[in-house]
Amino acid sequence: MTSSKTSIIVTRKLPEAVETRMRELFDAKLNESDKPFSQKDLIDAVKTTDVLVSTVTDQINRAVISQAGPNLKLIANFGTGVDNIDLDTARNRAITVTNTPGVLTEDTADMTMALILAVPRRLVEGARFLKDSSDQWKGWSPTWMLGNRINGKRLGIIGMGHIGQAVARRAKAFGLQIHYHNRRRLNEAVEDEFEATYWESLDQMLARVDILSINCPHTPATYHLLTQRRLKLLKPTSYIVNTARGEVIDENALARMLEAGEIAGAGLDVFEHEPAINPKLLKADNVVVLPHMGSATLEGRIDMGEKVIINIKTFLDGHNPPDRVHPAMF
């Protein structure tokens, strides 16, 4: 099988530079409309193509993979997370899965830090007031739109991988004290770099932090990691920022607690049932909601596309793709 004859189906519209390169290298069927594939569309795709270039919004579950044709040997996911793919079924069907790790670290950490600043300082609320009611603004006041200082506060990070560490690096520069919970404790040199405190017990860390940043992947082990019981461990003056996966939080419980004032505020870029969002979160003044744009930079998307192409080319050349995913990794 040569690259020029290899058929690939791309499920969403990608940056023009990436699509142009895919046309040059492969027999590429692109999604010009960017309309998300239905399950039927996905099944039709896996029946006919050699390579499926999926995205994190595509549910490549057992029902889809079980109907894959004999030519499908690679699912090249355009994204870091692979919770949208049934890895065990893919492995049983001898289908290789790749992802695009590493290239989104800095962009996602930037957005996380932006939310850490925006929520306690009420930035979006203030901007919205001027846009909607500028005629009512009477000028500066010593007691109006008061937020909370972040310097000196305790930041708790759940998931201290590449993104978690990039967040810690930024947060330390803003004077935040770094605390973290992770599957494995970091080595001493990394802890010293961030002056970070490790908490083996997530419950104990939650009770002590002022701002909580979620930076772990969505896996069976992290689904609703933050249950209502755990959310209640947070101080009522605490803030939550989530740029990872919405499924890590019990969203209904979070919405109720924010509405009741049991949590001070939240910055959310991801949601449990995307694109649906709990209406309470949309209405709340103490919640900043973003449409899953944490990694949305042109540079980042092009880098992701380049990784997808490298993984496909390497696989077709008979070598192990650099970003091959194994179920044990997640």
Protein backbone atom coordinates (compact mmCIF):
# COMPACT_ATOMS: atom_id res chain seq x y z
CA MET A 1 0.00 0.00 0.00
CA THR A 2 1.46 3.35 -1.05
CA SER A 3 0.60 6.72 0.47
CA SER A 4 -0.79 8.14 -2.76
CA LYS A 5 -3.25 5.24 -3.06
CA THR A 6 -4.16 5.02 0.60
CA SER A 7 -7.70 6.14 1.22
CA ILE A 8 -8.32 8.27 4.29
CA ILE A 9 -11.58 9.74 5.52
CA VAL A 10 -11.38 12.86 7.70
CA THR A 11 -14.44 13.35 9.88
CA ARG A 12 -14.19 17.12 10.48
CA LYS A 13 -12.85 20.13 8.62
CA LEU A 14 -9.20 20.80 9.44
CA PRO A 15 -6.98 23.86 8.80
CA GLU A 16 -6.43 24.44 5.08
CA ALA A 17 -2.70 23.79 5.29
CA VAL A 18 -3.34 20.35 6.82
CA GLU A 19 -6.01 19.41 4.30
CA THR A 20 -3.81 20.50 1.39
CA ARG A 21 -1.00 18.27 2.60
CA MET A 22 -3.40 15.34 3.06
CA ARG A 23 -4.63 15.73 -0.52
CA GLU A 24 -1.05 15.68 -1.75
CA LEU A 25 -0.11 12.53 0.14
CA PHE A 26 -3.26 10.42 0.21
CA ASP A 27 -6.53 9.68 -1.50
CA ALA A 28 -8.24 11.94 1.01
CA LYS A 29 -11.98 12.37 1.47
CA LEU A 30 -12.46 15.58 3.45
CA ASN A 31 -15.41 17.01 5.33
CA GLU A 32 -15.85 20.37 3.63
CA SER A 33 -19.06 21.22 5.54
CA ASP A 34 -17.63 20.35 8.98
CA LYS A 35 -20.93 18.66 9.84
CA PRO A 36 -20.22 16.07 12.58
CA PHE A 37 -20.50 12.47 11.45
CA SER A 38 -23.48 10.49 12.69
CA GLN A 39 -22.98 6.92 13.85
CA LYS A 40 -24.17 5.76 10.43
CA ASP A 41 -21.62 8.04 8.76
CA LEU A 42 -18.87 6.58 10.94
CA ILE A 43 -19.94 3.01 10.18
CA ASP A 44 -20.01 3.76 6.44
CA ALA A 45 -16.53 5.28 6.75
CA VAL A 46 -14.89 2.39 8.59
CA LYS A 47 -16.37 -0.09 6.11
CA THR A 48 -14.63 1.51 3.15
CA THR A 49 -11.48 3.38 4.14
CA ASP A 50 -7.90 2.38 4.93
CA VAL A 51 -7.40 5.10 7.55
CA LEU A 52 -9.97 6.99 9.59
CA VAL A 53 -8.91 10.44 10.84
CA SER A 54 -11.30 10.96 13.72
CA THR A 55 -11.69 13.79 16.22
CA VAL A 56 -12.63 13.90 19.90
CA THR A 57 -16.30 14.50 19.04
CA ASP A 58 -16.59 11.20 17.14
CA GLN A 59 -17.78 8.24 19.19
CA ILE A 60 -15.78 5.39 17.71
CA ASN A 61 -17.39 2.77 19.92
CA ARG A 62 -17.73 -0.99 19.67
CA ALA A 63 -20.79 -0.72 17.43
CA VAL A 64 -18.73 1.28 14.92
CA ILE A 65 -15.44 -0.64 15.07
CA SER A 66 -17.13 -4.04 14.90
CA GLN A 67 -18.35 -3.16 11.40
CA ALA A 68 -14.96 -2.04 10.10
CA GLY A 69 -13.92 -3.42 6.75
CA PRO A 70 -10.78 -5.50 6.30
CA ASN A 71 -8.83 -2.54 4.93
CA LEU A 72 -9.16 -0.37 8.05
CA LYS A 73 -5.87 -0.71 9.88
CA LEU A 74 -5.42 2.72 11.48
CA ILE A 75 -7.53 5.22 13.38
CA ALA A 76 -5.50 8.44 13.56
CA ASN A 77 -7.23 10.57 16.17
CA PHE A 78 -6.94 14.35 15.76
CA GLY A 79 -6.68 15.04 19.48
CA THR A 80 -4.84 14.03 22.61
CA GLY A 81 -7.68 12.34 24.45
CA VAL A 82 -8.87 9.00 23.13
CA ASP A 83 -11.83 8.43 25.44
CA ASN A 84 -13.97 8.65 22.29
CA ILE A 85 -12.47 5.40 20.94
CA ASP A 86 -13.06 1.85 22.18
CA LEU A 87 -9.39 0.92 22.41
CA ASP A 88 -10.00 -2.68 23.45
CA THR A 89 -12.24 -3.42 20.47
CA ALA A 90 -9.74 -1.71 18.16
CA ARG A 91 -6.94 -3.87 19.53
CA ASN A 92 -9.03 -7.04 19.12
CA ARG A 93 -9.61 -6.09 15.49
CA ALA A 94 -5.87 -5.41 14.98
CA ILE A 95 -6.56 -1.74 14.32
CA THR A 96 -3.83 0.66 15.43
CA VAL A 97 -4.88 3.88 17.18
CA THR A 98 -2.77 7.05 17.34
CA ASN A 99 -3.28 10.47 18.91
CA THR A 100 -1.58 13.89 18.94
CA PRO A 101 -0.01 14.44 22.37
CA GLY A 102 2.28 17.26 23.43
CA VAL A 103 1.42 19.95 20.91
CA LEU A 104 -1.50 21.40 22.88
CA THR A 105 0.21 21.69 26.24
CA GLU A 106 1.09 25.37 26.19
CA ASP A 107 -2.17 26.51 24.57
CA THR A 108 -4.31 24.63 27.08
CA ALA A 109 -2.20 25.84 29.99
CA ASP A 110 -2.59 29.43 28.76
CA MET A 111 -6.38 29.06 28.73
CA THR A 112 -6.36 27.45 32.15
CA MET A 113 -4.39 30.35 33.55
CA ALA A 114 -6.73 32.80 31.82
CA LEU A 115 -9.69 31.23 33.63
CA ILE A 116 -7.81 31.17 36.94
CA LEU A 117 -7.47 34.94 36.54
CA ALA A 118 -10.87 35.63 35.01
CA VAL A 119 -13.16 33.96 37.54
CA PRO A 120 -11.93 35.40 40.88
CA ARG A 121 -11.42 38.85 39.31
CA ARG A 122 -14.85 38.81 37.61
CA LEU A 123 -13.40 39.83 34.25
CA VAL A 124 -16.17 38.46 32.05
CA GLU A 125 -18.87 39.81 34.34
CA GLY A 126 -17.35 43.29 34.18
CA ALA A 127 -16.93 43.20 30.40
CA ARG A 128 -20.50 42.00 29.95
CA PHE A 129 -21.83 44.81 32.14
CA LEU A 130 -20.19 47.46 29.96
CA LYS A 131 -21.39 45.88 26.74
CA ASP A 132 -24.96 45.41 27.97
CA SER A 133 -25.43 48.36 30.33
CA SER A 134 -22.70 50.93 29.69
CA ASP A 135 -25.20 53.74 30.16
CA GLN A 136 -25.68 52.62 33.77
CA TRP A 137 -21.98 52.73 34.68
CA LYS A 138 -21.28 55.65 36.99
CA GLY A 139 -17.51 55.34 36.91
CA TRP A 140 -14.99 53.91 39.34
CA SER A 141 -16.18 52.97 42.82
CA PRO A 142 -14.14 51.64 45.75
CA THR A 143 -16.65 48.89 46.52
CA TRP A 144 -18.08 47.89 43.13
CA MET A 145 -17.18 44.68 41.22
CA LEU A 146 -14.84 43.48 43.92
CA GLY A 147 -13.23 40.16 43.20
CA ASN A 148 -10.59 38.16 45.03
CA ARG A 149 -6.80 38.33 44.89
CA ILE A 150 -5.06 35.20 43.59
CA ASN A 151 -1.53 36.01 44.80
CA GLY A 152 -0.73 33.87 47.82
CA LYS A 153 -3.70 31.54 47.31
CA ARG A 154 -3.45 27.76 47.16
CA LEU A 155 -3.91 26.21 43.71
CA GLY A 156 -4.77 22.52 43.68
CA ILE A 157 -4.00 20.71 40.41
CA ILE A 158 -5.60 17.36 39.63
CA GLY A 159 -3.38 15.67 37.07
CA MET A 160 0.25 16.77 37.03
CA GLY A 161 1.19 15.64 33.55
CA HIS A 162 2.55 17.95 30.86
CA ILE A 163 -0.42 20.32 30.99
CA GLY A 164 -0.67 20.28 34.78
CA GLN A 165 3.00 21.15 35.07
CA ALA A 166 2.66 23.92 32.48
CA VAL A 167 -0.21 25.35 34.55
CA ALA A 168 1.92 25.11 37.70
CA ARG A 169 4.75 26.99 36.00
CA ARG A 170 2.43 29.86 35.07
CA ALA A 171 0.62 29.89 38.39
CA LYS A 172 3.84 30.04 40.38
CA ALA A 173 4.79 33.18 38.45
CA PHE A 174 1.53 34.74 39.65
CA GLY A 175 2.37 33.97 43.27
CA LEU A 176 0.09 30.98 43.76
CA GLN A 177 1.11 28.14 46.05
CA ILE A 178 1.13 24.85 44.13
CA HIS A 179 -0.54 21.73 45.47
CA TYR A 180 -1.26 18.65 43.40
CA HIS A 181 -2.84 15.20 43.32
CA ASN A 182 -1.61 12.68 40.77
CA ARG A 183 -1.58 8.94 40.18
CA ARG A 184 2.14 8.99 40.89
CA ARG A 185 4.18 11.46 42.85
CA LEU A 186 6.56 13.58 40.79
CA ASN A 187 10.28 13.34 41.35
CA GLU A 188 11.88 15.64 43.87
CA ALA A 189 13.49 17.92 41.26
CA VAL A 190 10.14 18.70 39.63
CA GLU A 191 8.48 19.32 42.98
CA ASP A 192 11.30 21.67 43.91
CA GLU A 193 10.91 23.58 40.64
CA PHE A 194 7.30 24.41 41.47
CA GLU A 195 7.72 24.33 45.26
CA ALA A 196 4.80 21.94 45.01
CA THR A 197 3.08 19.99 47.76
CA TYR A 198 1.93 16.49 46.88
CA TRP A 199 -1.32 15.13 48.30
CA GLU A 200 -1.84 11.38 48.10
CA SER A 201 -5.38 11.96 49.36
CA LEU A 202 -7.51 13.96 46.95
CA ASP A 203 -10.09 14.55 49.69
CA GLN A 204 -7.53 16.17 51.95
CA MET A 205 -6.25 18.43 49.19
CA LEU A 206 -9.74 19.57 48.20
CA ALA A 207 -10.45 20.79 51.72
CA ARG A 208 -7.39 23.04 51.69
CA VAL A 209 -7.20 24.72 48.28
CA ASP A 210 -8.61 28.05 47.14
CA ILE A 211 -8.61 27.31 43.41
CA LEU A 212 -8.91 23.85 41.85
CA SER A 213 -7.61 23.17 38.33
CA ILE A 214 -8.62 19.93 36.61
CA ASN A 215 -6.00 18.72 34.16
CA CYS A 216 -6.43 14.94 34.12
CA PRO A 217 -7.75 12.82 31.23
CA HIS A 218 -11.20 11.27 31.17
CA THR A 219 -10.89 7.56 31.88
CA PRO A 220 -13.15 5.07 33.67
CA ALA A 221 -11.17 5.85 36.81
CA THR A 222 -11.72 9.63 36.55
CA TYR A 223 -15.39 9.62 35.51
CA HIS A 224 -17.16 11.78 38.12
CA LEU A 225 -13.94 11.91 40.11
CA LEU A 226 -15.42 15.06 41.60
CA THR A 227 -18.68 13.73 42.98
CA GLN A 228 -21.07 15.80 45.02
CA ARG A 229 -19.42 14.44 48.18
CA ARG A 230 -16.01 15.60 47.03
CA LEU A 231 -17.27 18.95 45.79
CA LYS A 232 -18.68 19.59 49.25
CA LEU A 233 -15.16 19.25 50.66
CA LEU A 234 -14.21 22.49 48.92
CA LYS A 235 -14.46 25.71 50.88
CA PRO A 236 -17.42 27.93 49.90
CA THR A 237 -14.83 30.54 48.90
CA SER A 238 -13.12 28.17 46.43
CA TYR A 239 -13.13 28.30 42.64
CA ILE A 240 -13.03 25.46 40.10
CA VAL A 241 -11.40 25.61 36.66
CA ASN A 242 -11.83 22.75 34.18
CA THR A 243 -10.08 22.66 30.80
CA ALA A 244 -9.73 18.85 30.70
CA ARG A 245 -12.93 16.85 30.27
CA GLY A 246 -16.43 17.62 31.51
CA GLU A 247 -17.06 14.03 32.57
CA VAL A 248 -14.57 14.38 35.43
CA ILE A 249 -17.11 16.50 37.36
CA ASP A 250 -20.68 15.66 38.34
CA GLU A 251 -21.98 18.66 36.42
CA ASN A 252 -25.46 18.67 37.94
CA ALA A 253 -24.03 18.66 41.45
CA LEU A 254 -21.62 21.45 40.55
CA ALA A 255 -24.44 23.57 39.09
CA ARG A 256 -26.56 23.14 42.20
CA MET A 257 -23.71 24.07 44.52
CA LEU A 258 -22.76 27.14 42.51
CA GLU A 259 -26.38 28.28 42.52
CA ALA A 260 -26.57 27.76 46.29
CA GLY A 261 -23.32 29.65 46.94
CA GLU A 262 -21.54 26.57 48.23
CA ILE A 263 -18.73 27.21 45.72
CA ALA A 264 -17.60 30.74 44.88
CA GLY A 265 -17.31 30.33 41.11
CA ALA A 266 -16.14 28.24 38.18
CA GLY A 267 -14.35 28.59 34.85
CA LEU A 268 -15.45 25.82 32.50
CA ASP A 269 -14.19 25.13 28.99
CA VAL A 270 -15.60 21.59 28.86
CA PHE A 271 -18.92 20.02 29.82
CA GLU A 272 -20.23 16.61 30.70
CA HIS A 273 -22.75 16.34 27.86
CA GLU A 274 -21.26 18.57 25.16
CA PRO A 275 -22.60 20.41 23.29
CA ALA A 276 -25.44 20.51 25.83
CA ILE A 277 -24.71 22.64 28.92
CA ASN A 278 -26.61 22.74 32.18
CA PRO A 279 -28.80 25.90 31.96
CA LYS A 280 -27.87 26.85 35.53
CA LEU A 281 -24.24 27.20 34.49
CA LEU A 282 -25.17 29.48 31.60
CA LYS A 283 -27.24 31.78 33.79
CA ALA A 284 -24.82 32.10 36.71
CA ASP A 285 -22.82 35.33 37.01
CA ASN A 286 -20.11 33.51 38.95
CA VAL A 287 -19.42 31.05 36.11
CA VAL A 288 -17.29 31.73 33.02
CA VAL A 289 -18.21 29.28 30.25
CA LEU A 290 -16.20 28.78 27.06
CA PRO A 291 -17.05 26.59 24.03
CA HIS A 292 -14.25 24.01 24.40
CA MET A 293 -11.60 26.36 23.03
CA GLY A 294 -8.71 25.63 25.38
CA SER A 295 -6.48 24.38 22.58
CA ALA A 296 -8.01 26.50 19.82
CA THR A 297 -5.02 28.19 18.26
CA LEU A 298 -4.18 28.00 14.56
CA GLU A 299 -0.64 26.95 15.42
CA GLY A 300 -1.87 24.18 17.68
CA ARG A 301 -4.34 22.79 15.15
CA ILE A 302 -1.69 22.76 12.41
CA ASP A 303 0.73 20.98 14.75
CA MET A 304 -1.97 18.40 15.47
CA GLY A 305 -2.53 17.86 11.76
CA GLU A 306 1.18 17.39 11.17
CA LYS A 307 1.27 14.76 13.88
CA VAL A 308 -1.66 12.94 12.29
CA ILE A 309 0.14 12.93 8.92
CA ILE A 310 3.41 11.71 10.45
CA ASN A 311 1.58 8.90 12.24
CA ILE A 312 -0.13 7.81 9.02
CA LYS A 313 3.05 8.01 6.95
CA THR A 314 5.09 6.10 9.53
CA PHE A 315 2.42 3.40 9.77
CA LEU A 316 2.22 3.02 6.00
CA ASP A 317 6.01 2.72 5.85
CA GLY A 318 5.73 -0.34 8.08
CA HIS A 319 7.02 1.26 11.26
CA ASN A 320 5.48 1.81 14.67
CA PRO A 321 3.79 5.27 14.67
CA PRO A 322 5.39 7.67 17.17
CA ASP A 323 2.06 8.38 18.86
CA ARG A 324 0.63 4.89 19.00
CA VAL A 325 -1.89 4.51 21.80
CA HIS A 326 -2.04 1.49 24.09
CA PRO A 327 -5.04 0.91 26.40
CA ALA A 328 -2.72 0.65 29.40
CA MET A 329 -1.66 4.26 28.85
CA PHE A 330 -5.14 5.39 29.88
